[in-house]
Amino acid sequence: MGGPLCVIPRPYVKRCTQSILLLNKEITKEVLHHLYRIPLNLYGTPSAHIIMCQMDITEFISKHYLQRIHHGVLRLKHANKQFVLSLLDIWGAENRLERLDVYRPRTGLDSQHWKVVESRLWDFSKGVPVVFHEVDNPLIVGASEATWV
């Protein structure tokens, strides 16, 4: 009676590479060069209520890809401390970021989690330009609607 009555396995996300990229190294090199320059919007990872913890971003996107993007966009409705700190650890080891945009809500930023996240992002901004945007809804806002901080 010490453990759960049933064990539900952690959800697994299958990652794959498109066939055309596997066939021709030259096409792959050219495509990846452009792919890494497309802004990558990151909203967080789903929480797994069954196992009571946040899933790791590297279960969805490879560490290698995250370290080679040139423009990241964090859209944070909540502090998502574990998500942001894991990204900063990955980028702290190696990154090619030219800019990181952080969209956050205008209100409700007084929690301890937000303070930790903002502090780490400010530290990270010493090496990579980080632009903070305060918006009503970080998940749907366009850059033109943002207030820069």
C-alpha atoms as a PDB file:
ATOM      1  CA  MET A   1       0.000   0.000   0.000  1.00  0.00           C
ATOM      2  CA  GLY A   2       3.033   2.252  -0.130  1.00  0.00           C
ATOM      3  CA  GLY A   3       2.869   3.099  -3.843  1.00  0.00           C
ATOM      4  CA  PRO A   4       0.306   3.979  -6.479  1.00  0.00           C
ATOM      5  CA  LEU A   5      -2.224   1.373  -7.536  1.00  0.00           C
ATOM      6  CA  CYS A   6      -1.362   1.835 -11.192  1.00  0.00           C
ATOM      7  CA  VAL A   7       1.639   3.178 -13.013  1.00  0.00           C
ATOM      8  CA  ILE A   8       0.988   5.275 -16.103  1.00  0.00           C
ATOM      9  CA  PRO A   9       4.082   5.682 -18.293  1.00  0.00           C
ATOM     10  CA  ARG A  10       5.402   9.136 -19.111  1.00  0.00           C
ATOM     11  CA  PRO A  11       4.165  10.377 -22.514  1.00  0.00           C
ATOM     12  CA  TYR A  12       6.796  10.059 -25.237  1.00  0.00           C
ATOM     13  CA  VAL A  13       7.076  12.414 -28.194  1.00  0.00           C
ATOM     14  CA  LYS A  14       8.646  10.848 -31.272  1.00  0.00           C
ATOM     15  CA  ARG A  15      11.088  13.143 -33.068  1.00  0.00           C
ATOM     16  CA  CYS A  16      11.933  12.549 -36.695  1.00  0.00           C
ATOM     17  CA  THR A  17      13.920  14.026 -39.556  1.00  0.00           C
ATOM     18  CA  GLN A  18      12.278  14.597 -42.921  1.00  0.00           C
ATOM     19  CA  SER A  19      13.359  12.051 -45.553  1.00  0.00           C
ATOM     20  CA  ILE A  20      14.671  14.662 -48.002  1.00  0.00           C
ATOM     21  CA  LEU A  21      17.136  15.859 -45.363  1.00  0.00           C
ATOM     22  CA  LEU A  22      18.425  12.343 -44.880  1.00  0.00           C
ATOM     23  CA  LEU A  23      19.002  11.770 -48.610  1.00  0.00           C
ATOM     24  CA  ASN A  24      21.216  14.667 -49.557  1.00  0.00           C
ATOM     25  CA  LYS A  25      23.876  16.236 -47.313  1.00  0.00           C
ATOM     26  CA  GLU A  26      24.120  19.377 -49.451  1.00  0.00           C
ATOM     27  CA  ILE A  27      20.376  20.028 -49.227  1.00  0.00           C
ATOM     28  CA  THR A  28      20.543  19.374 -45.502  1.00  0.00           C
ATOM     29  CA  LYS A  29      23.363  21.877 -45.029  1.00  0.00           C
ATOM     30  CA  GLU A  30      21.525  24.571 -47.009  1.00  0.00           C
ATOM     31  CA  VAL A  31      18.181  23.961 -45.328  1.00  0.00           C
ATOM     32  CA  LEU A  32      19.608  23.884 -41.813  1.00  0.00           C
ATOM     33  CA  HIS A  33      21.384  27.191 -42.405  1.00  0.00           C
ATOM     34  CA  HIS A  34      17.995  28.808 -43.120  1.00  0.00           C
ATOM     35  CA  LEU A  35      16.091  26.779 -40.541  1.00  0.00           C
ATOM     36  CA  TYR A  36      18.343  27.978 -37.714  1.00  0.00           C
ATOM     37  CA  ARG A  37      17.609  31.598 -38.713  1.00  0.00           C
ATOM     38  CA  ILE A  38      13.815  31.265 -38.402  1.00  0.00           C
ATOM     39  CA  PRO A  39      12.653  32.653 -35.024  1.00  0.00           C
ATOM     40  CA  LEU A  40      11.739  29.770 -32.726  1.00  0.00           C
ATOM     41  CA  ASN A  41       8.653  30.477 -30.575  1.00  0.00           C
ATOM     42  CA  LEU A  42       8.799  28.624 -27.268  1.00  0.00           C
ATOM     43  CA  TYR A  43       5.682  28.540 -25.100  1.00  0.00           C
ATOM     44  CA  GLY A  44       6.726  25.996 -22.478  1.00  0.00           C
ATOM     45  CA  THR A  45       6.174  22.304 -22.143  1.00  0.00           C
ATOM     46  CA  PRO A  46       3.011  20.545 -21.045  1.00  0.00           C
ATOM     47  CA  SER A  47       2.759  19.553 -17.435  1.00  0.00           C
ATOM     48  CA  ALA A  48       2.138  15.908 -16.848  1.00  0.00           C
ATOM     49  CA  HIS A  49      -0.416  15.966 -14.015  1.00  0.00           C
ATOM     50  CA  ILE A  50      -0.172  12.210 -13.799  1.00  0.00           C
ATOM     51  CA  ILE A  51       3.474  12.350 -12.784  1.00  0.00           C
ATOM     52  CA  MET A  52       3.243  15.795 -11.168  1.00  0.00           C
ATOM     53  CA  CYS A  53       6.120  17.420 -12.992  1.00  0.00           C
ATOM     54  CA  GLN A  54       6.887  19.516 -16.047  1.00  0.00           C
ATOM     55  CA  MET A  55       8.221  17.731 -19.113  1.00  0.00           C
ATOM     56  CA  ASP A  56      11.671  18.752 -20.334  1.00  0.00           C
ATOM     57  CA  ILE A  57      12.033  20.798 -23.541  1.00  0.00           C
ATOM     58  CA  THR A  58      14.639  18.342 -24.861  1.00  0.00           C
ATOM     59  CA  GLU A  59      11.914  15.697 -25.030  1.00  0.00           C
ATOM     60  CA  PHE A  60      10.436  17.773 -27.899  1.00  0.00           C
ATOM     61  CA  ILE A  61      13.334  19.683 -29.452  1.00  0.00           C
ATOM     62  CA  SER A  62      16.890  18.411 -29.556  1.00  0.00           C
ATOM     63  CA  LYS A  63      19.545  20.165 -27.498  1.00  0.00           C
ATOM     64  CA  HIS A  64      21.643  20.415 -30.670  1.00  0.00           C
ATOM     65  CA  TYR A  65      18.892  22.369 -32.487  1.00  0.00           C
ATOM     66  CA  LEU A  66      18.227  24.653 -29.504  1.00  0.00           C
ATOM     67  CA  GLN A  67      21.917  25.570 -29.357  1.00  0.00           C
ATOM     68  CA  ARG A  68      22.034  26.516 -33.051  1.00  0.00           C
ATOM     69  CA  ILE A  69      19.039  28.799 -33.404  1.00  0.00           C
ATOM     70  CA  HIS A  70      19.772  32.485 -33.964  1.00  0.00           C
ATOM     71  CA  HIS A  71      16.548  34.031 -32.655  1.00  0.00           C
ATOM     72  CA  GLY A  72      14.512  32.667 -29.765  1.00  0.00           C
ATOM     73  CA  VAL A  73      11.110  33.914 -28.628  1.00  0.00           C
ATOM     74  CA  LEU A  74       9.871  32.962 -25.156  1.00  0.00           C
ATOM     75  CA  ARG A  75       6.128  33.470 -24.720  1.00  0.00           C
ATOM     76  CA  LEU A  76       5.503  33.132 -21.003  1.00  0.00           C
ATOM     77  CA  LYS A  77       1.978  33.346 -19.638  1.00  0.00           C
ATOM     78  CA  HIS A  78       3.320  31.984 -16.328  1.00  0.00           C
ATOM     79  CA  ALA A  79       6.861  32.034 -14.952  1.00  0.00           C
ATOM     80  CA  ASN A  80       7.551  28.426 -16.110  1.00  0.00           C
ATOM     81  CA  LYS A  81      10.684  28.493 -13.972  1.00  0.00           C
ATOM     82  CA  GLN A  82      11.851  24.948 -14.730  1.00  0.00           C
ATOM     83  CA  PHE A  83      11.320  25.459 -18.475  1.00  0.00           C
ATOM     84  CA  VAL A  84      13.203  28.774 -18.635  1.00  0.00           C
ATOM     85  CA  LEU A  85      16.049  27.640 -16.385  1.00  0.00           C
ATOM     86  CA  SER A  86      16.570  24.457 -18.411  1.00  0.00           C
ATOM     87  CA  LEU A  87      16.714  26.520 -21.632  1.00  0.00           C
ATOM     88  CA  LEU A  88      19.227  28.906 -20.074  1.00  0.00           C
ATOM     89  CA  ASP A  89      21.356  25.955 -18.963  1.00  0.00           C
ATOM     90  CA  ILE A  90      21.334  24.575 -22.516  1.00  0.00           C
ATOM     91  CA  TRP A  91      22.153  27.979 -24.012  1.00  0.00           C
ATOM     92  CA  GLY A  92      24.708  28.686 -21.287  1.00  0.00           C
ATOM     93  CA  ALA A  93      26.724  25.654 -22.408  1.00  0.00           C
ATOM     94  CA  GLU A  94      26.633  26.695 -26.075  1.00  0.00           C
ATOM     95  CA  ASN A  95      24.482  28.938 -28.227  1.00  0.00           C
ATOM     96  CA  ARG A  96      24.412  30.937 -31.439  1.00  0.00           C
ATOM     97  CA  LEU A  97      21.652  33.279 -30.337  1.00  0.00           C
ATOM     98  CA  GLU A  98      21.739  36.747 -31.819  1.00  0.00           C
ATOM     99  CA  ARG A  99      18.603  37.800 -29.941  1.00  0.00           C
ATOM    100  CA  LEU A 100      16.114  36.469 -27.411  1.00  0.00           C
ATOM    101  CA  ASP A 101      12.665  38.080 -27.108  1.00  0.00           C
ATOM    102  CA  VAL A 102      10.742  37.426 -23.903  1.00  0.00           C
ATOM    103  CA  TYR A 103       6.998  38.150 -23.949  1.00  0.00           C
ATOM    104  CA  ARG A 104       5.474  38.278 -20.470  1.00  0.00           C
ATOM    105  CA  PRO A 105       2.174  39.501 -19.015  1.00  0.00           C
ATOM    106  CA  ARG A 106       1.826  43.101 -17.843  1.00  0.00           C
ATOM    107  CA  THR A 107       0.381  42.020 -14.506  1.00  0.00           C
ATOM    108  CA  GLY A 108       0.912  39.251 -11.968  1.00  0.00           C
ATOM    109  CA  LEU A 109       4.712  39.334 -12.008  1.00  0.00           C
ATOM    110  CA  ASP A 110       5.168  39.517  -8.240  1.00  0.00           C
ATOM    111  CA  SER A 111       5.654  35.799  -7.521  1.00  0.00           C
ATOM    112  CA  GLN A 112       9.007  34.419  -6.431  1.00  0.00           C
ATOM    113  CA  HIS A 113       9.138  32.276  -9.586  1.00  0.00           C
ATOM    114  CA  TRP A 114       8.997  35.398 -11.798  1.00  0.00           C
ATOM    115  CA  LYS A 115      11.778  37.004  -9.755  1.00  0.00           C
ATOM    116  CA  VAL A 116      14.033  33.971 -10.260  1.00  0.00           C
ATOM    117  CA  VAL A 117      13.233  33.766 -13.990  1.00  0.00           C
ATOM    118  CA  GLU A 118      13.804  37.493 -14.565  1.00  0.00           C
ATOM    119  CA  SER A 119      17.041  37.456 -12.581  1.00  0.00           C
ATOM    120  CA  ARG A 120      18.454  34.576 -14.631  1.00  0.00           C
ATOM    121  CA  LEU A 121      17.325  36.189 -17.898  1.00  0.00           C
ATOM    122  CA  TRP A 122      19.017  39.479 -16.918  1.00  0.00           C
ATOM    123  CA  ASP A 123      22.230  37.544 -16.168  1.00  0.00           C
ATOM    124  CA  PHE A 124      21.934  35.762 -19.519  1.00  0.00           C
ATOM    125  CA  SER A 125      21.475  39.119 -21.272  1.00  0.00           C
ATOM    126  CA  LYS A 126      25.111  39.976 -20.506  1.00  0.00           C
ATOM    127  CA  GLY A 127      26.101  37.612 -23.310  1.00  0.00           C
ATOM    128  CA  VAL A 128      23.053  37.604 -25.585  1.00  0.00           C
ATOM    129  CA  PRO A 129      20.708  40.540 -26.295  1.00  0.00           C
ATOM    130  CA  VAL A 130      17.466  39.831 -24.404  1.00  0.00           C
ATOM    131  CA  VAL A 131      14.470  42.080 -25.107  1.00  0.00           C
ATOM    132  CA  PHE A 132      11.565  41.987 -22.644  1.00  0.00           C
ATOM    133  CA  HIS A 133       8.038  42.775 -23.873  1.00  0.00           C
ATOM    134  CA  GLU A 134       5.110  43.358 -21.502  1.00  0.00           C
ATOM    135  CA  VAL A 135       1.829  42.376 -23.161  1.00  0.00           C
ATOM    136  CA  ASP A 136      -1.733  41.472 -22.201  1.00  0.00           C
ATOM    137  CA  ASN A 137      -1.507  37.934 -23.594  1.00  0.00           C
ATOM    138  CA  PRO A 138       2.016  36.672 -24.383  1.00  0.00           C
ATOM    139  CA  LEU A 139       0.680  33.656 -26.253  1.00  0.00           C
ATOM    140  CA  ILE A 140      -0.973  35.573 -29.088  1.00  0.00           C
ATOM    141  CA  VAL A 141       0.653  39.001 -29.281  1.00  0.00           C
ATOM    142  CA  GLY A 142       2.550  40.212 -32.323  1.00  0.00           C
ATOM    143  CA  ALA A 143       5.723  42.240 -31.986  1.00  0.00           C
ATOM    144  CA  SER A 144       3.953  45.463 -32.985  1.00  0.00           C
ATOM    145  CA  GLU A 145       1.589  45.229 -29.979  1.00  0.00           C
ATOM    146  CA  ALA A 146       4.351  44.832 -27.393  1.00  0.00           C
ATOM    147  CA  THR A 147       5.653  47.350 -24.891  1.00  0.00           C
ATOM    148  CA  TRP A 148       9.413  47.022 -24.567  1.00  0.00           C
ATOM    149  CA  VAL A 149      10.927  47.014 -21.102  1.00  0.00           C
END
